[in-house]
Amino acid sequence: IFRTPKSIRVYSVFLLNNAIIDLASAVASLLGTVRVVVDLESALASVVFLGPCTHISANFCRICHDAFAYRLFILSNIKDDHHPTRSQIWLLCLVTYILLGLPGMSYYFVQEDPSPEDRKRFGLEGYVIATVHLFGKQVLAVMINAIVLSPIVMTSIFVVRRKLLDTIALEVSDLLKAKIKIQALTYQMLLPCGGAIGATLFLLDLTQIWGNEMTQRLIMLVINIFSLASPIINFTTLPPYRALLPCKKNTVSPSGSKPIDFTTI
């Protein structure tokens, strides 16, 4: 953080926060290796843990599953003469964690062990399983929260992207700098599509349109690609981070022009 150029030092807090989220989510996903089994007849959804967390404890598996986190977006225009402090950013992150943590905690406490009959019926003997009632009050509250907020957030991302593109067009005179910014922003904006694909697979399995063990395993796998793709985009797209790769140079310059100082991007 403190070795970042002063003009953009405050944004390094965002990168650190995302790195922590990515690490926790990726490790939790690996430990859990989740398969989602839905029984529409009894209105039950069972999360089957196939990963190494089963060798520790059932509660640890459930905590790993609840560790999936979302990115933090601040939908506001930040003027050049008014940058938020690190304390303000950490406070915003903390408030967001609390707001997102309450539904997650509610979901954790309503999980139950499946009955022996359900284990036998789905061939899940020997696995750690967390079962929730799809139409329970807490689960419905979490699902409604996701259904209502997801379209709002996705729409906001597109609106903010449009504003950022307009700002970049006005403030950035170098075409290469503008192109790099737009490319990184577009890739990051498309990451939530992984969650949409996972939700679609869940609905296909729920409605029995297309349901088998493969789709049940792909639900959380596709969603958790989010954690892997985000840092890869930063490292391969933004020159300050791409310069850290051994096969890349520290500066990139177009033909016939001077090297560009990418620390200002």
Protein backbone atom coordinates (compact mmCIF):
# COMPACT_ATOMS: atom_id res chain seq x y z
CA ILE A 1 0.00 0.00 0.00
CA PHE A 2 2.65 2.55 1.06
CA ARG A 3 4.85 1.83 -1.96
CA THR A 4 2.04 2.75 -4.34
CA PRO A 5 2.26 6.22 -5.98
CA LYS A 6 0.54 8.73 -3.71
CA SER A 7 -2.00 9.80 -6.34
CA ILE A 8 -3.55 6.32 -6.44
CA ARG A 9 -2.47 4.95 -3.07
CA VAL A 10 -5.98 4.98 -1.68
CA TYR A 11 -7.14 2.52 -4.35
CA SER A 12 -4.57 -0.03 -3.29
CA VAL A 13 -6.84 -0.67 -0.30
CA PHE A 14 -9.49 -1.88 -2.74
CA LEU A 15 -6.98 -4.22 -4.37
CA LEU A 16 -5.91 -5.57 -0.98
CA ASN A 17 -9.53 -6.08 0.02
CA ASN A 18 -10.28 -7.93 -3.22
CA ALA A 19 -7.17 -10.06 -2.77
CA ILE A 20 -8.33 -11.11 0.71
CA ILE A 21 -11.81 -11.91 -0.61
CA ASP A 22 -10.40 -13.87 -3.55
CA LEU A 23 -8.07 -15.88 -1.33
CA ALA A 24 -10.77 -16.75 1.22
CA SER A 25 -13.31 -17.64 -1.46
CA ALA A 26 -10.87 -19.73 -3.51
CA VAL A 27 -9.59 -21.69 -0.49
CA ALA A 28 -13.13 -22.24 0.80
CA SER A 29 -14.27 -23.44 -2.62
CA LEU A 30 -11.37 -25.87 -2.86
CA LEU A 31 -11.96 -27.24 0.64
CA GLY A 32 -15.69 -27.65 0.10
CA THR A 33 -15.98 -28.82 -3.54
CA VAL A 34 -19.74 -28.46 -3.40
CA ARG A 35 -22.48 -30.35 -5.21
CA VAL A 36 -26.05 -29.00 -4.95
CA VAL A 37 -28.90 -31.56 -4.93
CA VAL A 38 -32.49 -30.28 -5.08
CA ASP A 39 -35.58 -32.31 -4.21
CA LEU A 40 -38.56 -30.30 -5.43
CA GLU A 41 -41.08 -32.82 -4.10
CA SER A 42 -40.07 -32.22 -0.48
CA ALA A 43 -38.86 -28.62 -1.10
CA LEU A 44 -35.34 -29.42 0.11
CA ALA A 45 -31.97 -28.30 -1.21
CA SER A 46 -28.94 -30.28 -0.07
CA VAL A 47 -25.37 -29.03 -0.31
CA VAL A 48 -23.06 -32.06 -0.57
CA PHE A 49 -19.42 -31.50 0.38
CA LEU A 50 -16.99 -33.63 -1.61
CA GLY A 51 -13.75 -31.86 -0.70
CA PRO A 52 -11.11 -32.27 2.04
CA CYS A 53 -13.14 -30.24 4.55
CA THR A 54 -15.03 -33.47 5.28
CA HIS A 55 -11.92 -34.79 7.06
CA ILE A 56 -12.10 -31.92 9.58
CA SER A 57 -15.74 -31.48 10.62
CA ALA A 58 -19.23 -30.85 9.28
CA ASN A 59 -19.33 -27.34 10.78
CA PHE A 60 -16.06 -26.44 9.08
CA CYS A 61 -17.52 -27.48 5.71
CA ARG A 62 -20.55 -25.27 6.25
CA ILE A 63 -18.39 -22.31 7.25
CA CYS A 64 -16.34 -22.79 4.07
CA HIS A 65 -19.52 -22.72 2.01
CA ASP A 66 -20.68 -19.51 3.69
CA ALA A 67 -17.28 -17.88 3.05
CA PHE A 68 -18.25 -17.08 -0.55
CA ALA A 69 -18.13 -13.29 -0.79
CA TYR A 70 -19.09 -10.63 -3.29
CA ARG A 71 -17.12 -7.73 -4.72
CA LEU A 72 -17.54 -4.29 -3.29
CA PHE A 73 -18.55 -1.49 -5.60
CA ILE A 74 -18.82 2.17 -4.63
CA LEU A 75 -21.15 3.76 -7.16
CA SER A 76 -20.04 7.37 -6.99
CA ASN A 77 -17.92 9.84 -8.88
CA ILE A 78 -14.63 10.64 -7.19
CA LYS A 79 -13.21 14.01 -8.15
CA ASP A 80 -9.51 14.60 -8.47
CA ASP A 81 -9.49 17.02 -5.54
CA HIS A 82 -11.38 14.72 -3.18
CA HIS A 83 -10.04 11.22 -2.66
CA PRO A 84 -11.51 9.04 0.10
CA THR A 85 -9.09 8.17 2.87
CA ARG A 86 -8.03 4.62 3.67
CA SER A 87 -10.11 4.79 6.86
CA GLN A 88 -13.22 5.75 4.90
CA ILE A 89 -12.70 2.91 2.45
CA TRP A 90 -12.15 0.35 5.21
CA LEU A 91 -15.31 1.62 6.93
CA LEU A 92 -17.31 1.19 3.72
CA CYS A 93 -15.91 -2.32 3.33
CA LEU A 94 -16.83 -3.17 6.92
CA VAL A 95 -20.39 -1.89 6.53
CA THR A 96 -20.78 -3.89 3.32
CA TYR A 97 -19.46 -7.03 5.00
CA ILE A 98 -22.00 -6.62 7.80
CA LEU A 99 -24.91 -6.12 5.39
CA LEU A 100 -23.88 -9.15 3.35
CA GLY A 101 -22.99 -11.20 6.42
CA LEU A 102 -26.43 -11.09 8.04
CA PRO A 103 -28.15 -13.12 5.27
CA GLY A 104 -25.19 -15.50 5.22
CA MET A 105 -25.43 -16.09 8.97
CA SER A 106 -29.17 -16.67 8.69
CA TYR A 107 -28.55 -19.23 5.95
CA TYR A 108 -25.90 -20.97 8.07
CA PHE A 109 -28.13 -21.38 11.13
CA VAL A 110 -31.06 -22.91 9.21
CA GLN A 111 -28.95 -25.73 7.78
CA GLU A 112 -29.84 -29.22 8.98
CA ASP A 113 -28.57 -32.75 8.57
CA PRO A 114 -30.60 -34.77 6.04
CA SER A 115 -32.66 -37.73 7.11
CA PRO A 116 -31.25 -41.26 6.58
CA GLU A 117 -34.00 -41.84 4.02
CA ASP A 118 -32.91 -38.85 1.92
CA ARG A 119 -29.26 -39.92 2.10
CA LYS A 120 -30.17 -43.37 0.83
CA ARG A 121 -32.56 -42.09 -1.83
CA PHE A 122 -29.93 -39.84 -3.43
CA GLY A 123 -26.99 -42.17 -2.83
CA LEU A 124 -25.18 -39.72 -0.56
CA GLU A 125 -24.14 -41.98 2.29
CA GLY A 126 -20.78 -41.08 3.81
CA TYR A 127 -20.79 -37.41 2.74
CA VAL A 128 -21.12 -34.27 4.84
CA ILE A 129 -24.40 -32.65 3.80
CA ALA A 130 -26.18 -29.43 4.74
CA THR A 131 -29.91 -29.33 3.97
CA VAL A 132 -32.21 -26.30 3.89
CA HIS A 133 -35.95 -26.00 3.36
CA LEU A 134 -36.46 -23.95 0.20
CA PHE A 135 -39.63 -22.34 1.50
CA GLY A 136 -38.42 -21.63 5.04
CA LYS A 137 -38.64 -18.01 6.19
CA GLN A 138 -34.89 -17.44 6.48
CA VAL A 139 -34.09 -19.11 3.17
CA LEU A 140 -36.86 -17.21 1.38
CA ALA A 141 -35.52 -13.95 2.83
CA VAL A 142 -32.04 -14.70 1.49
CA MET A 143 -33.37 -15.69 -1.96
CA ILE A 144 -35.64 -12.63 -2.20
CA ASN A 145 -32.72 -10.43 -1.18
CA ALA A 146 -30.60 -11.92 -3.98
CA ILE A 147 -33.42 -11.73 -6.54
CA VAL A 148 -34.13 -8.07 -5.76
CA LEU A 149 -30.55 -6.83 -5.39
CA SER A 150 -28.91 -8.70 -8.28
CA PRO A 151 -30.75 -6.87 -11.11
CA ILE A 152 -30.18 -3.54 -9.34
CA VAL A 153 -26.46 -4.16 -8.96
CA MET A 154 -26.05 -5.45 -12.52
CA THR A 155 -27.91 -2.43 -13.92
CA SER A 156 -25.82 -0.09 -11.78
CA ILE A 157 -22.61 -1.68 -13.07
CA PHE A 158 -23.61 -0.93 -16.67
CA VAL A 159 -24.62 2.65 -15.78
CA VAL A 160 -21.38 3.32 -13.94
CA ARG A 161 -19.38 1.76 -16.77
CA ARG A 162 -21.02 4.18 -19.21
CA LYS A 163 -20.15 7.13 -16.98
CA LEU A 164 -16.58 5.93 -16.57
CA LEU A 165 -16.18 5.57 -20.33
CA ASP A 166 -17.39 9.15 -20.78
CA THR A 167 -14.97 10.34 -18.10
CA ILE A 168 -12.07 8.44 -19.67
CA ALA A 169 -12.88 9.94 -23.07
CA LEU A 170 -12.73 13.45 -21.59
CA GLU A 171 -9.69 13.07 -19.32
CA VAL A 172 -7.39 10.66 -21.17
CA SER A 173 -5.71 12.04 -24.24
CA ASP A 174 -3.61 8.94 -24.94
CA LEU A 175 -5.60 6.36 -26.90
CA LEU A 176 -3.55 3.41 -25.59
CA LYS A 177 -4.21 4.34 -21.95
CA ALA A 178 -7.93 4.68 -22.64
CA LYS A 179 -8.05 1.33 -24.43
CA ILE A 180 -6.33 -0.48 -21.54
CA LYS A 181 -8.67 1.05 -18.96
CA ILE A 182 -11.77 0.18 -20.96
CA GLN A 183 -10.55 -3.37 -21.59
CA ALA A 184 -9.89 -4.08 -17.90
CA LEU A 185 -13.18 -2.48 -16.86
CA THR A 186 -15.17 -4.49 -19.41
CA TYR A 187 -13.62 -7.81 -18.34
CA GLN A 188 -14.30 -7.09 -14.67
CA MET A 189 -17.87 -6.06 -15.46
CA LEU A 190 -18.54 -9.40 -17.15
CA LEU A 191 -17.46 -11.44 -14.11
CA PRO A 192 -20.92 -11.44 -12.45
CA CYS A 193 -22.13 -13.42 -15.47
CA GLY A 194 -20.58 -16.43 -13.73
CA GLY A 195 -23.14 -16.06 -10.97
CA ALA A 196 -25.92 -15.77 -13.53
CA ILE A 197 -24.79 -18.99 -15.23
CA GLY A 198 -24.68 -20.78 -11.86
CA ALA A 199 -28.17 -19.54 -11.00
CA THR A 200 -29.44 -20.72 -14.40
CA LEU A 201 -28.01 -24.19 -13.82
CA PHE A 202 -29.69 -24.27 -10.41
CA LEU A 203 -33.07 -23.35 -11.92
CA LEU A 204 -32.66 -25.96 -14.67
CA ASP A 205 -31.99 -28.61 -12.03
CA LEU A 206 -34.81 -27.33 -9.80
CA THR A 207 -37.37 -27.50 -12.61
CA GLN A 208 -36.01 -30.87 -13.81
CA ILE A 209 -35.44 -29.45 -17.30
CA TRP A 210 -31.82 -30.55 -17.16
CA GLY A 211 -30.75 -32.19 -13.95
CA ASN A 212 -27.93 -34.63 -13.28
CA GLU A 213 -24.79 -34.90 -11.17
CA MET A 214 -22.79 -32.82 -13.65
CA THR A 215 -25.08 -29.80 -13.42
CA GLN A 216 -25.23 -30.15 -9.64
CA ARG A 217 -21.44 -29.93 -9.44
CA LEU A 218 -21.18 -27.11 -11.98
CA ILE A 219 -23.47 -24.74 -10.03
CA MET A 220 -20.92 -23.64 -7.42
CA LEU A 221 -17.92 -24.38 -9.65
CA VAL A 222 -19.03 -21.81 -12.23
CA ILE A 223 -19.84 -19.24 -9.54
CA ASN A 224 -16.45 -19.63 -7.89
CA ILE A 225 -14.57 -19.03 -11.15
CA PHE A 226 -15.25 -15.40 -10.18
CA SER A 227 -12.50 -15.60 -7.54
CA LEU A 228 -9.94 -16.96 -9.98
CA ALA A 229 -10.73 -14.68 -12.91
CA SER A 230 -10.62 -11.35 -11.07
CA PRO A 231 -6.90 -11.33 -10.13
CA ILE A 232 -5.95 -12.88 -13.48
CA ILE A 233 -7.61 -9.97 -15.27
CA ASN A 234 -5.66 -7.48 -13.14
CA PHE A 235 -2.34 -9.21 -13.79
CA THR A 236 -2.79 -9.68 -17.53
CA THR A 237 -4.55 -6.43 -18.43
CA LEU A 238 -3.24 -3.58 -16.28
CA PRO A 239 0.41 -2.76 -17.07
CA PRO A 240 1.50 -1.95 -13.47
CA TYR A 241 0.56 -5.51 -12.48
CA ARG A 242 1.47 -7.13 -15.77
CA ALA A 243 4.97 -5.77 -15.25
CA LEU A 244 5.31 -8.11 -12.26
CA LEU A 245 5.11 -11.13 -14.56
CA PRO A 246 8.57 -12.44 -15.52
CA CYS A 247 7.76 -12.52 -19.23
CA LYS A 248 6.62 -8.89 -19.42
CA LYS A 249 8.51 -5.61 -19.54
CA ASN A 250 7.93 -2.79 -17.10
CA THR A 251 6.73 -0.37 -19.74
CA VAL A 252 4.72 -0.68 -22.91
CA SER A 253 4.84 1.86 -25.65
CA PRO A 254 3.18 2.02 -29.05
CA SER A 255 5.25 2.24 -32.18
CA GLY A 256 6.69 5.69 -32.74
CA SER A 257 5.77 7.09 -29.31
CA LYS A 258 7.52 7.57 -26.01
CA PRO A 259 7.18 5.05 -23.17
CA ILE A 260 4.10 5.67 -21.08
CA ASP A 261 4.16 6.00 -17.31
CA PHE A 262 1.46 3.51 -16.33
CA THR A 263 1.67 4.30 -12.61
CA THR A 264 -0.90 7.01 -13.27
CA ILE A 265 -3.48 4.52 -14.59
